[in-house]
């Protein structure tokens, strides 16, 4: 079922929200892994494991060190997410990392990933972060997104992470200055 992103609402999640929508977030995570996304998991990813994975971040979300957004379609289904991890070290409070940007296959190609990325970038600026970092599989659609969104490549590491099928793949590292 194709999703119209015109009716998609992007909302910041609380720690309680993570618990409440862990199954929908888990389904989104499973969809990404099933589609071959290299986001830290091997296939097949069990739905219960995927749902439970989100709960580990509740303390960081509660403390404000990790910000998580969910994109929900008109029916309330979670069709996208992005996270922002704020650096807690005194010498790094000016930087943050964009993590786990995912869009369900049914909602891709309509600008939702860009919208989620923009949301994370605005929140980073609001938190006084002036430097953003991220990594992605080399050659992925995400890599093209970051290129087009003004991010700068600063390195490529061969065999950085295993794809869901276990094949080692390179990762491209990006940064973006918000100053």
C-alpha atoms as a PDB file:
ATOM      1  CA  UNK A   1       0.000   0.000   0.000  1.00  0.00           C
ATOM      2  CA  UNK A   2       1.573   3.303  -1.118  1.00  0.00           C
ATOM      3  CA  UNK A   3       1.652   6.048   1.475  1.00  0.00           C
ATOM      4  CA  UNK A   4       0.850   9.675   0.709  1.00  0.00           C
ATOM      5  CA  UNK A   5       3.436  11.726   2.568  1.00  0.00           C
ATOM      6  CA  UNK A   6       1.105  14.737   2.447  1.00  0.00           C
ATOM      7  CA  UNK A   7      -0.750  13.197   5.385  1.00  0.00           C
ATOM      8  CA  UNK A   8       2.380  12.136   7.277  1.00  0.00           C
ATOM      9  CA  UNK A   9       2.986  13.752  10.659  1.00  0.00           C
ATOM     10  CA  UNK A  10       6.488  13.759  12.168  1.00  0.00           C
ATOM     11  CA  UNK A  11       6.416  13.662  15.968  1.00  0.00           C
ATOM     12  CA  UNK A  12       9.162  13.579  18.573  1.00  0.00           C
ATOM     13  CA  UNK A  13       8.852  10.536  20.808  1.00  0.00           C
ATOM     14  CA  UNK A  14       9.148  10.422  24.570  1.00  0.00           C
ATOM     15  CA  UNK A  15      10.516   7.430  26.449  1.00  0.00           C
ATOM     16  CA  UNK A  16       6.921   6.321  27.102  1.00  0.00           C
ATOM     17  CA  UNK A  17       6.139   6.697  23.390  1.00  0.00           C
ATOM     18  CA  UNK A  18       9.045   4.350  22.572  1.00  0.00           C
ATOM     19  CA  UNK A  19       7.432   1.683  24.710  1.00  0.00           C
ATOM     20  CA  UNK A  20       3.960   2.344  23.301  1.00  0.00           C
ATOM     21  CA  UNK A  21       4.985   2.207  19.640  1.00  0.00           C
ATOM     22  CA  UNK A  22       7.859  -0.286  19.870  1.00  0.00           C
ATOM     23  CA  UNK A  23       5.988  -2.820  17.740  1.00  0.00           C
ATOM     24  CA  UNK A  24       5.405  -0.320  14.934  1.00  0.00           C
ATOM     25  CA  UNK A  25       9.019   0.869  15.155  1.00  0.00           C
ATOM     26  CA  UNK A  26      10.083  -2.777  15.167  1.00  0.00           C
ATOM     27  CA  UNK A  27       8.024  -3.440  12.030  1.00  0.00           C
ATOM     28  CA  UNK A  28       9.734  -0.481  10.351  1.00  0.00           C
ATOM     29  CA  UNK A  29      13.144  -1.817  11.397  1.00  0.00           C
ATOM     30  CA  UNK A  30      12.271  -5.296  10.112  1.00  0.00           C
ATOM     31  CA  UNK A  31      11.112  -3.810   6.792  1.00  0.00           C
ATOM     32  CA  UNK A  32      14.441  -1.984   6.408  1.00  0.00           C
ATOM     33  CA  UNK A  33      16.464  -5.127   7.174  1.00  0.00           C
ATOM     34  CA  UNK A  34      14.283  -7.222   4.855  1.00  0.00           C
ATOM     35  CA  UNK A  35      15.005  -4.669   2.127  1.00  0.00           C
ATOM     36  CA  UNK A  36      18.773  -5.029   2.651  1.00  0.00           C
ATOM     37  CA  UNK A  37      19.535  -1.947   4.744  1.00  0.00           C
ATOM     38  CA  UNK A  38      22.809  -2.202   6.633  1.00  0.00           C
ATOM     39  CA  UNK A  39      21.628  -0.769   9.937  1.00  0.00           C
ATOM     40  CA  UNK A  40      23.166  -3.141  12.441  1.00  0.00           C
ATOM     41  CA  UNK A  41      21.147  -6.328  12.016  1.00  0.00           C
ATOM     42  CA  UNK A  42      21.391  -9.595  10.136  1.00  0.00           C
ATOM     43  CA  UNK A  43      18.410 -11.174   8.393  1.00  0.00           C
ATOM     44  CA  UNK A  44      16.064 -12.581   9.266  1.00  0.00           C
ATOM     45  CA  UNK A  45      15.252 -10.141  12.044  1.00  0.00           C
ATOM     46  CA  UNK A  46      12.656 -11.451  14.482  1.00  0.00           C
ATOM     47  CA  UNK A  47       9.744  -9.032  15.006  1.00  0.00           C
ATOM     48  CA  UNK A  48       9.914  -9.373  18.800  1.00  0.00           C
ATOM     49  CA  UNK A  49      13.663  -8.693  18.798  1.00  0.00           C
ATOM     50  CA  UNK A  50      13.161  -5.648  16.567  1.00  0.00           C
ATOM     51  CA  UNK A  51      10.444  -4.261  18.848  1.00  0.00           C
ATOM     52  CA  UNK A  52      12.492  -4.906  21.993  1.00  0.00           C
ATOM     53  CA  UNK A  53      15.579  -3.222  20.487  1.00  0.00           C
ATOM     54  CA  UNK A  54      13.892   0.196  20.719  1.00  0.00           C
ATOM     55  CA  UNK A  55      13.313  -0.093  24.475  1.00  0.00           C
ATOM     56  CA  UNK A  56      17.025   0.123  25.296  1.00  0.00           C
ATOM     57  CA  UNK A  57      16.991   3.789  24.293  1.00  0.00           C
ATOM     58  CA  UNK A  58      14.279   4.886  26.720  1.00  0.00           C
ATOM     59  CA  UNK A  59      16.747   6.094  29.400  1.00  0.00           C
ATOM     60  CA  UNK A  60      18.696   8.159  26.831  1.00  0.00           C
ATOM     61  CA  UNK A  61      15.465   9.609  25.436  1.00  0.00           C
ATOM     62  CA  UNK A  62      14.241  10.378  28.951  1.00  0.00           C
ATOM     63  CA  UNK A  63      17.531  12.149  29.727  1.00  0.00           C
ATOM     64  CA  UNK A  64      17.424  14.135  26.468  1.00  0.00           C
ATOM     65  CA  UNK A  65      20.659  12.629  25.134  1.00  0.00           C
ATOM     66  CA  UNK A  66      18.869  10.852  22.278  1.00  0.00           C
ATOM     67  CA  UNK A  67      16.031  12.383  20.316  1.00  0.00           C
ATOM     68  CA  UNK A  68      13.798  10.114  18.235  1.00  0.00           C
ATOM     69  CA  UNK A  69      11.073  11.050  15.768  1.00  0.00           C
ATOM     70  CA  UNK A  70       8.419   8.886  14.167  1.00  0.00           C
ATOM     71  CA  UNK A  71       6.681   9.695  10.907  1.00  0.00           C
ATOM     72  CA  UNK A  72       3.077   8.499  11.028  1.00  0.00           C
ATOM     73  CA  UNK A  73       0.713   8.252   8.093  1.00  0.00           C
ATOM     74  CA  UNK A  74      -2.959   9.269   8.177  1.00  0.00           C
ATOM     75  CA  UNK A  75      -3.878   5.844   9.581  1.00  0.00           C
ATOM     76  CA  UNK A  76      -1.393   6.215  12.460  1.00  0.00           C
ATOM     77  CA  UNK A  77       1.099   3.699  11.033  1.00  0.00           C
ATOM     78  CA  UNK A  78       4.788   4.460  11.649  1.00  0.00           C
ATOM     79  CA  UNK A  79       6.361   4.802   8.187  1.00  0.00           C
ATOM     80  CA  UNK A  80       9.644   6.483   9.083  1.00  0.00           C
ATOM     81  CA  UNK A  81      12.008   7.397  11.873  1.00  0.00           C
ATOM     82  CA  UNK A  82      15.229   9.230  12.581  1.00  0.00           C
ATOM     83  CA  UNK A  83      17.328   9.668  15.691  1.00  0.00           C
ATOM     84  CA  UNK A  84      19.783  12.271  16.901  1.00  0.00           C
ATOM     85  CA  UNK A  85      22.371  11.431  19.550  1.00  0.00           C
ATOM     86  CA  UNK A  86      23.724  14.469  21.356  1.00  0.00           C
ATOM     87  CA  UNK A  87      27.327  14.221  22.522  1.00  0.00           C
ATOM     88  CA  UNK A  88      27.666  14.358  26.297  1.00  0.00           C
ATOM     89  CA  UNK A  89      31.424  14.782  26.603  1.00  0.00           C
ATOM     90  CA  UNK A  90      32.453  18.292  27.608  1.00  0.00           C
ATOM     91  CA  UNK A  91      34.765  18.691  24.633  1.00  0.00           C
ATOM     92  CA  UNK A  92      32.181  17.442  22.141  1.00  0.00           C
ATOM     93  CA  UNK A  93      28.924  19.106  23.116  1.00  0.00           C
ATOM     94  CA  UNK A  94      29.018  20.997  19.829  1.00  0.00           C
ATOM     95  CA  UNK A  95      28.405  17.820  17.831  1.00  0.00           C
ATOM     96  CA  UNK A  96      25.676  15.246  17.364  1.00  0.00           C
ATOM     97  CA  UNK A  97      25.152  12.087  15.318  1.00  0.00           C
ATOM     98  CA  UNK A  98      22.206  11.359  13.044  1.00  0.00           C
ATOM     99  CA  UNK A  99      21.240   7.702  13.494  1.00  0.00           C
ATOM    100  CA  UNK A 100      18.763   5.158  12.142  1.00  0.00           C
ATOM    101  CA  UNK A 101      17.080   7.189   9.413  1.00  0.00           C
ATOM    102  CA  UNK A 102      14.548   4.716   7.984  1.00  0.00           C
ATOM    103  CA  UNK A 103      11.561   5.015   5.685  1.00  0.00           C
ATOM    104  CA  UNK A 104       9.216   2.105   5.016  1.00  0.00           C
ATOM    105  CA  UNK A 105       9.353   0.800   1.437  1.00  0.00           C
ATOM    106  CA  UNK A 106       5.706   1.863   0.930  1.00  0.00           C
ATOM    107  CA  UNK A 107       6.562   5.497   1.734  1.00  0.00           C
ATOM    108  CA  UNK A 108       9.819   5.951  -0.181  1.00  0.00           C
ATOM    109  CA  UNK A 109      10.385   8.282  -3.084  1.00  0.00           C
ATOM    110  CA  UNK A 110       8.148  11.054  -1.767  1.00  0.00           C
ATOM    111  CA  UNK A 111      10.604  13.215   0.202  1.00  0.00           C
ATOM    112  CA  UNK A 112      10.005  11.711   3.635  1.00  0.00           C
ATOM    113  CA  UNK A 113      13.662  10.822   4.255  1.00  0.00           C
ATOM    114  CA  UNK A 114      14.630  14.426   3.454  1.00  0.00           C
ATOM    115  CA  UNK A 115      11.907  15.678   5.786  1.00  0.00           C
ATOM    116  CA  UNK A 116      13.145  13.457   8.611  1.00  0.00           C
ATOM    117  CA  UNK A 117      16.755  14.517   7.992  1.00  0.00           C
ATOM    118  CA  UNK A 118      15.700  18.188   8.056  1.00  0.00           C
ATOM    119  CA  UNK A 119      13.889  17.561  11.342  1.00  0.00           C
ATOM    120  CA  UNK A 120      17.048  16.118  12.919  1.00  0.00           C
ATOM    121  CA  UNK A 121      19.191  18.958  11.562  1.00  0.00           C
ATOM    122  CA  UNK A 122      16.831  21.631  12.969  1.00  0.00           C
ATOM    123  CA  UNK A 123      16.755  19.897  16.359  1.00  0.00           C
ATOM    124  CA  UNK A 124      20.550  19.710  16.404  1.00  0.00           C
ATOM    125  CA  UNK A 125      20.764  23.443  15.734  1.00  0.00           C
ATOM    126  CA  UNK A 126      18.180  24.089  18.478  1.00  0.00           C
ATOM    127  CA  UNK A 127      20.392  22.055  20.847  1.00  0.00           C
ATOM    128  CA  UNK A 128      23.393  24.241  19.903  1.00  0.00           C
ATOM    129  CA  UNK A 129      25.106  21.455  17.976  1.00  0.00           C
ATOM    130  CA  UNK A 130      27.151  22.947  15.163  1.00  0.00           C
ATOM    131  CA  UNK A 131      28.612  19.746  13.724  1.00  0.00           C
ATOM    132  CA  UNK A 132      26.641  16.678  12.634  1.00  0.00           C
ATOM    133  CA  UNK A 133      28.060  13.256  11.792  1.00  0.00           C
ATOM    134  CA  UNK A 134      26.677  10.089  10.241  1.00  0.00           C
ATOM    135  CA  UNK A 135      27.675   7.014   8.294  1.00  0.00           C
ATOM    136  CA  UNK A 136      25.922   4.957   5.648  1.00  0.00           C
ATOM    137  CA  UNK A 137      26.571   2.050   3.339  1.00  0.00           C
ATOM    138  CA  UNK A 138      28.538   3.176   0.318  1.00  0.00           C
ATOM    139  CA  UNK A 139      26.446   3.152  -2.845  1.00  0.00           C
ATOM    140  CA  UNK A 140      23.098   3.247  -1.026  1.00  0.00           C
ATOM    141  CA  UNK A 141      20.158   5.547  -1.701  1.00  0.00           C
ATOM    142  CA  UNK A 142      20.920   7.118   1.681  1.00  0.00           C
ATOM    143  CA  UNK A 143      24.378   8.099   0.438  1.00  0.00           C
ATOM    144  CA  UNK A 144      22.762   9.967  -2.465  1.00  0.00           C
ATOM    145  CA  UNK A 145      20.360  11.674  -0.049  1.00  0.00           C
ATOM    146  CA  UNK A 146      23.190  12.980   2.134  1.00  0.00           C
ATOM    147  CA  UNK A 147      25.137  14.177  -0.914  1.00  0.00           C
ATOM    148  CA  UNK A 148      22.101  16.092  -2.165  1.00  0.00           C
ATOM    149  CA  UNK A 149      21.357  17.527   1.300  1.00  0.00           C
ATOM    150  CA  UNK A 150      24.721  19.284   1.524  1.00  0.00           C
ATOM    151  CA  UNK A 151      26.616  16.808   3.665  1.00  0.00           C
ATOM    152  CA  UNK A 152      30.387  16.431   3.114  1.00  0.00           C
ATOM    153  CA  UNK A 153      32.093  13.067   2.731  1.00  0.00           C
ATOM    154  CA  UNK A 154      35.132  12.686   4.923  1.00  0.00           C
ATOM    155  CA  UNK A 155      36.032   9.050   4.556  1.00  0.00           C
ATOM    156  CA  UNK A 156      35.274   5.585   3.327  1.00  0.00           C
ATOM    157  CA  UNK A 157      36.023   2.448   5.330  1.00  0.00           C
ATOM    158  CA  UNK A 158      36.056  -0.873   3.463  1.00  0.00           C
ATOM    159  CA  UNK A 159      34.299  -3.862   5.052  1.00  0.00           C
ATOM    160  CA  UNK A 160      32.874  -1.608   7.750  1.00  0.00           C
ATOM    161  CA  UNK A 161      29.666  -3.524   8.471  1.00  0.00           C
ATOM    162  CA  UNK A 162      27.825  -6.610   7.369  1.00  0.00           C
ATOM    163  CA  UNK A 163      24.722  -6.242   5.233  1.00  0.00           C
ATOM    164  CA  UNK A 164      21.691  -8.217   6.423  1.00  0.00           C
ATOM    165  CA  UNK A 165      22.889 -11.204   4.359  1.00  0.00           C
ATOM    166  CA  UNK A 166      26.272 -11.146   6.132  1.00  0.00           C
ATOM    167  CA  UNK A 167      28.278  -9.622   3.255  1.00  0.00           C
ATOM    168  CA  UNK A 168      30.809  -7.054   4.426  1.00  0.00           C
ATOM    169  CA  UNK A 169      30.292  -3.667   2.786  1.00  0.00           C
ATOM    170  CA  UNK A 170      32.072  -0.324   2.847  1.00  0.00           C
ATOM    171  CA  UNK A 171      30.656   2.696   4.668  1.00  0.00           C
ATOM    172  CA  UNK A 172      30.913   6.347   3.757  1.00  0.00           C
ATOM    173  CA  UNK A 173      31.235   8.860   6.577  1.00  0.00           C
ATOM    174  CA  UNK A 174      29.707  12.321   6.325  1.00  0.00           C
ATOM    175  CA  UNK A 175      29.653  15.546   8.310  1.00  0.00           C
ATOM    176  CA  UNK A 176      27.639  18.723   8.072  1.00  0.00           C
ATOM    177  CA  UNK A 177      28.517  22.037   9.617  1.00  0.00           C
ATOM    178  CA  UNK A 178      25.496  23.956  10.887  1.00  0.00           C
ATOM    179  CA  UNK A 179      27.370  27.235  11.321  1.00  0.00           C
END
